[in-house]
PDB file of N, CA and C in Angstrom:
ATOM      1  N   MET A   1      -4.766   6.068   6.939  1.00  0.00           N
ATOM      2  CA  MET A   1      -3.516   6.593   6.465  1.00  0.00           C
ATOM      3  C   MET A   1      -2.960   5.610   5.451  1.00  0.00           C
ATOM      4  N   LEU A   2      -2.392   6.136   4.403  1.00  0.00           N
ATOM      5  CA  LEU A   2      -1.767   5.335   3.363  1.00  0.00           C
ATOM      6  C   LEU A   2      -0.280   5.637   3.397  1.00  0.00           C
ATOM      7  N   ALA A   3       0.551   4.604   3.432  1.00  0.00           N
ATOM      8  CA  ALA A   3       2.006   4.784   3.463  1.00  0.00           C
ATOM      9  C   ALA A   3       2.623   4.047   2.293  1.00  0.00           C
ATOM     10  N   LYS A   4       3.777   4.523   1.869  1.00  0.00           N
ATOM     11  CA  LYS A   4       4.479   3.915   0.750  1.00  0.00           C
ATOM     12  C   LYS A   4       5.909   3.604   1.176  1.00  0.00           C
ATOM     13  N   ALA A   5       6.378   2.436   0.785  1.00  0.00           N
ATOM     14  CA  ALA A   5       7.765   2.061   1.053  1.00  0.00           C
ATOM     15  C   ALA A   5       8.405   1.644  -0.262  1.00  0.00           C
ATOM     16  N   GLU A   6       9.630   2.083  -0.486  1.00  0.00           N
ATOM     17  CA  GLU A   6      10.362   1.714  -1.693  1.00  0.00           C
ATOM     18  C   GLU A   6      11.675   1.068  -1.289  1.00  0.00           C
ATOM     19  N   PHE A   7      12.112   0.099  -2.091  1.00  0.00           N
ATOM     20  CA  PHE A   7      13.318  -0.648  -1.776  1.00  0.00           C
ATOM     21  C   PHE A   7      14.221  -0.709  -2.995  1.00  0.00           C
ATOM     22  N   SER A   8      15.517  -0.769  -2.765  1.00  0.00           N
ATOM     23  CA  SER A   8      16.493  -0.846  -3.850  1.00  0.00           C
ATOM     24  C   SER A   8      16.664  -2.264  -4.373  1.00  0.00           C
ATOM     25  N   THR A   9      16.409  -3.239  -3.506  1.00  0.00           N
ATOM     26  CA  THR A   9      16.599  -4.635  -3.918  1.00  0.00           C
ATOM     27  C   THR A   9      15.412  -5.487  -3.470  1.00  0.00           C
ATOM     28  N   ASP A  10      15.277  -6.637  -4.101  1.00  0.00           N
ATOM     29  CA  ASP A  10      14.238  -7.580  -3.687  1.00  0.00           C
ATOM     30  C   ASP A  10      14.483  -8.067  -2.269  1.00  0.00           C
ATOM     31  N   GLU A  11      15.739  -8.223  -1.906  1.00  0.00           N
ATOM     32  CA  GLU A  11      16.081  -8.682  -0.560  1.00  0.00           C
ATOM     33  C   GLU A  11      15.601  -7.690   0.497  1.00  0.00           C
ATOM     34  N   GLU A  12      15.781  -6.402   0.234  1.00  0.00           N
ATOM     35  CA  GLU A  12      15.293  -5.380   1.162  1.00  0.00           C
ATOM     36  C   GLU A  12      13.777  -5.473   1.308  1.00  0.00           C
ATOM     37  N   ALA A  13      13.087  -5.625   0.194  1.00  0.00           N
ATOM     38  CA  ALA A  13      11.626  -5.708   0.232  1.00  0.00           C
ATOM     39  C   ALA A  13      11.169  -6.941   1.001  1.00  0.00           C
ATOM     40  N   GLN A  14      11.833  -8.061   0.785  1.00  0.00           N
ATOM     41  CA  GLN A  14      11.452  -9.303   1.459  1.00  0.00           C
ATOM     42  C   GLN A  14      11.708  -9.252   2.962  1.00  0.00           C
ATOM     43  N   SER A  15      12.717  -8.502   3.389  1.00  0.00           N
ATOM     44  CA  SER A  15      13.042  -8.451   4.813  1.00  0.00           C
ATOM     45  C   SER A  15      12.279  -7.353   5.564  1.00  0.00           C
ATOM     46  N   PHE A  16      11.512  -6.544   4.841  1.00  0.00           N
ATOM     47  CA  PHE A  16      10.763  -5.451   5.468  1.00  0.00           C
ATOM     48  C   PHE A  16       9.664  -5.994   6.380  1.00  0.00           C
ATOM     49  N   VAL A  17       9.640  -5.490   7.599  1.00  0.00           N
ATOM     50  CA  VAL A  17       8.588  -5.837   8.553  1.00  0.00           C
ATOM     51  C   VAL A  17       7.779  -4.568   8.806  1.00  0.00           C
ATOM     52  N   PRO A  18       6.523  -4.537   8.352  1.00  0.00           N
ATOM     53  CA  PRO A  18       5.721  -3.316   8.534  1.00  0.00           C
ATOM     54  C   PRO A  18       5.382  -3.088  10.004  1.00  0.00           C
ATOM     55  N   PRO A  19       5.194  -1.827  10.382  1.00  0.00           N
ATOM     56  CA  PRO A  19       4.795  -1.520  11.757  1.00  0.00           C
ATOM     57  C   PRO A  19       3.439  -2.147  12.081  1.00  0.00           C
ATOM     58  N   ALA A  20       3.181  -2.362  13.339  1.00  0.00           N
ATOM     59  CA  ALA A  20       1.926  -2.986  13.781  1.00  0.00           C
ATOM     60  C   ALA A  20       0.702  -2.195  13.335  1.00  0.00           C
ATOM     61  N   GLU A  21       0.858  -0.888  13.124  1.00  0.00           N
ATOM     62  CA  GLU A  21      -0.264  -0.046  12.716  1.00  0.00           C
ATOM     63  C   GLU A  21      -0.719  -0.338  11.294  1.00  0.00           C
ATOM     64  N   CYS A  22       0.108  -0.982  10.502  1.00  0.00           N
ATOM     65  CA  CYS A  22      -0.249  -1.325   9.124  1.00  0.00           C
ATOM     66  C   CYS A  22      -1.203  -2.511   9.155  1.00  0.00           C
ATOM     67  N   VAL A  23      -2.373  -2.326   8.603  1.00  0.00           N
ATOM     68  CA  VAL A  23      -3.397  -3.373   8.692  1.00  0.00           C
ATOM     69  C   VAL A  23      -3.726  -4.026   7.352  1.00  0.00           C
ATOM     70  N   ALA A  24      -3.201  -3.495   6.246  1.00  0.00           N
ATOM     71  CA  ALA A  24      -3.527  -4.086   4.944  1.00  0.00           C
ATOM     72  C   ALA A  24      -2.411  -3.816   3.948  1.00  0.00           C
ATOM     73  N   GLU A  25      -2.156  -4.777   3.107  1.00  0.00           N
ATOM     74  CA  GLU A  25      -1.218  -4.632   1.988  1.00  0.00           C
ATOM     75  C   GLU A  25      -2.053  -4.324   0.746  1.00  0.00           C
ATOM     76  N   VAL A  26      -1.795  -3.189   0.112  1.00  0.00           N
ATOM     77  CA  VAL A  26      -2.640  -2.772  -1.008  1.00  0.00           C
ATOM     78  C   VAL A  26      -1.865  -2.629  -2.322  1.00  0.00           C
ATOM     79  N   THR A  27      -0.670  -3.185  -2.387  1.00  0.00           N
ATOM     80  CA  THR A  27       0.162  -3.048  -3.574  1.00  0.00           C
ATOM     81  C   THR A  27      -0.553  -3.482  -4.840  1.00  0.00           C
ATOM     82  N   ASP A  28      -1.234  -4.606  -4.803  1.00  0.00           N
ATOM     83  CA  ASP A  28      -1.888  -5.134  -6.005  1.00  0.00           C
ATOM     84  C   ASP A  28      -3.379  -4.824  -6.066  1.00  0.00           C
ATOM     85  N   ASP A  29      -3.845  -3.915  -5.238  1.00  0.00           N
ATOM     86  CA  ASP A  29      -5.257  -3.543  -5.208  1.00  0.00           C
ATOM     87  C   ASP A  29      -5.462  -2.330  -6.115  1.00  0.00           C
ATOM     88  N   ALA A  30      -6.154  -2.523  -7.215  1.00  0.00           N
ATOM     89  CA  ALA A  30      -6.350  -1.462  -8.216  1.00  0.00           C
ATOM     90  C   ALA A  30      -7.018  -0.221  -7.644  1.00  0.00           C
ATOM     91  N   ARG A  31      -7.779  -0.366  -6.563  1.00  0.00           N
ATOM     92  CA  ARG A  31      -8.453   0.799  -5.969  1.00  0.00           C
ATOM     93  C   ARG A  31      -7.460   1.811  -5.413  1.00  0.00           C
ATOM     94  N   PHE A  32      -6.214   1.405  -5.211  1.00  0.00           N
ATOM     95  CA  PHE A  32      -5.217   2.279  -4.609  1.00  0.00           C
ATOM     96  C   PHE A  32      -4.171   2.745  -5.608  1.00  0.00           C
ATOM     97  N   THR A  33      -4.536   2.835  -6.877  1.00  0.00           N
ATOM     98  CA  THR A  33      -3.600   3.278  -7.897  1.00  0.00           C
ATOM     99  C   THR A  33      -3.997   4.637  -8.453  1.00  0.00           C
ATOM    100  N   GLY A  34      -3.006   5.471  -8.665  1.00  0.00           N
ATOM    101  CA  GLY A  34      -3.180   6.758  -9.322  1.00  0.00           C
ATOM    102  C   GLY A  34      -4.442   7.511  -8.950  1.00  0.00           C
ATOM    103  N   GLY A  35      -5.107   8.045  -9.958  1.00  0.00           N
ATOM    104  CA  GLY A  35      -6.316   8.839  -9.760  1.00  0.00           C
ATOM    105  C   GLY A  35      -7.496   8.035  -9.261  1.00  0.00           C
ATOM    106  N   ARG A  36      -7.424   6.732  -9.346  1.00  0.00           N
ATOM    107  CA  ARG A  36      -8.553   5.909  -8.901  1.00  0.00           C
ATOM    108  C   ARG A  36      -8.794   6.063  -7.395  1.00  0.00           C
ATOM    109  N   LEU A  37      -7.748   6.186  -6.634  1.00  0.00           N
ATOM    110  CA  LEU A  37      -7.894   6.358  -5.183  1.00  0.00           C
ATOM    111  C   LEU A  37      -8.678   7.625  -4.862  1.00  0.00           C
ATOM    112  N   VAL A  38      -8.435   8.665  -5.617  1.00  0.00           N
ATOM    113  CA  VAL A  38      -9.130   9.937  -5.403  1.00  0.00           C
ATOM    114  C   VAL A  38     -10.626   9.795  -5.664  1.00  0.00           C
ATOM    115  N   GLN A  39     -10.999   8.937  -6.606  1.00  0.00           N
ATOM    116  CA  GLN A  39     -12.389   8.782  -7.001  1.00  0.00           C
ATOM    117  C   GLN A  39     -13.133   7.719  -6.206  1.00  0.00           C
ATOM    118  N   THR A  40     -12.436   6.945  -5.380  1.00  0.00           N
ATOM    119  CA  THR A  40     -13.045   5.851  -4.632  1.00  0.00           C
ATOM    120  C   THR A  40     -13.585   6.371  -3.309  1.00  0.00           C
ATOM    121  N   SER A  41     -14.816   6.020  -3.005  1.00  0.00           N
ATOM    122  CA  SER A  41     -15.417   6.473  -1.736  1.00  0.00           C
ATOM    123  C   SER A  41     -14.974   5.570  -0.586  1.00  0.00           C
ATOM    124  N   ARG A  42     -15.134   6.044   0.598  1.00  0.00           N
ATOM    125  CA  ARG A  42     -14.818   5.252   1.793  1.00  0.00           C
ATOM    126  C   ARG A  42     -15.601   3.961   1.805  1.00  0.00           C
ATOM    127  N   HIS A  43     -16.859   4.031   1.406  1.00  0.00           N
ATOM    128  CA  HIS A  43     -17.716   2.844   1.366  1.00  0.00           C
ATOM    129  C   HIS A  43     -17.161   1.793   0.408  1.00  0.00           C
ATOM    130  N   GLU A  44     -16.621   2.221  -0.732  1.00  0.00           N
ATOM    131  CA  GLU A  44     -16.077   1.295  -1.721  1.00  0.00           C
ATOM    132  C   GLU A  44     -14.785   0.631  -1.242  1.00  0.00           C
ATOM    133  N   LEU A  45     -14.071   1.280  -0.372  1.00  0.00           N
ATOM    134  CA  LEU A  45     -12.832   0.707   0.153  1.00  0.00           C
ATOM    135  C   LEU A  45     -13.153  -0.348   1.188  1.00  0.00           C
TER     136      LEU A  45
END
């Protein structure tokens, strides 16, 4: 499952504690951007 969180301020983002079910931060991972995610296979992830 892929989830997205948006924040109004940097302080909100810094204080965010993800749920235990979240196992990876993918913000800066190019494989998870736009149409690229659709084209990436499970094996490549």
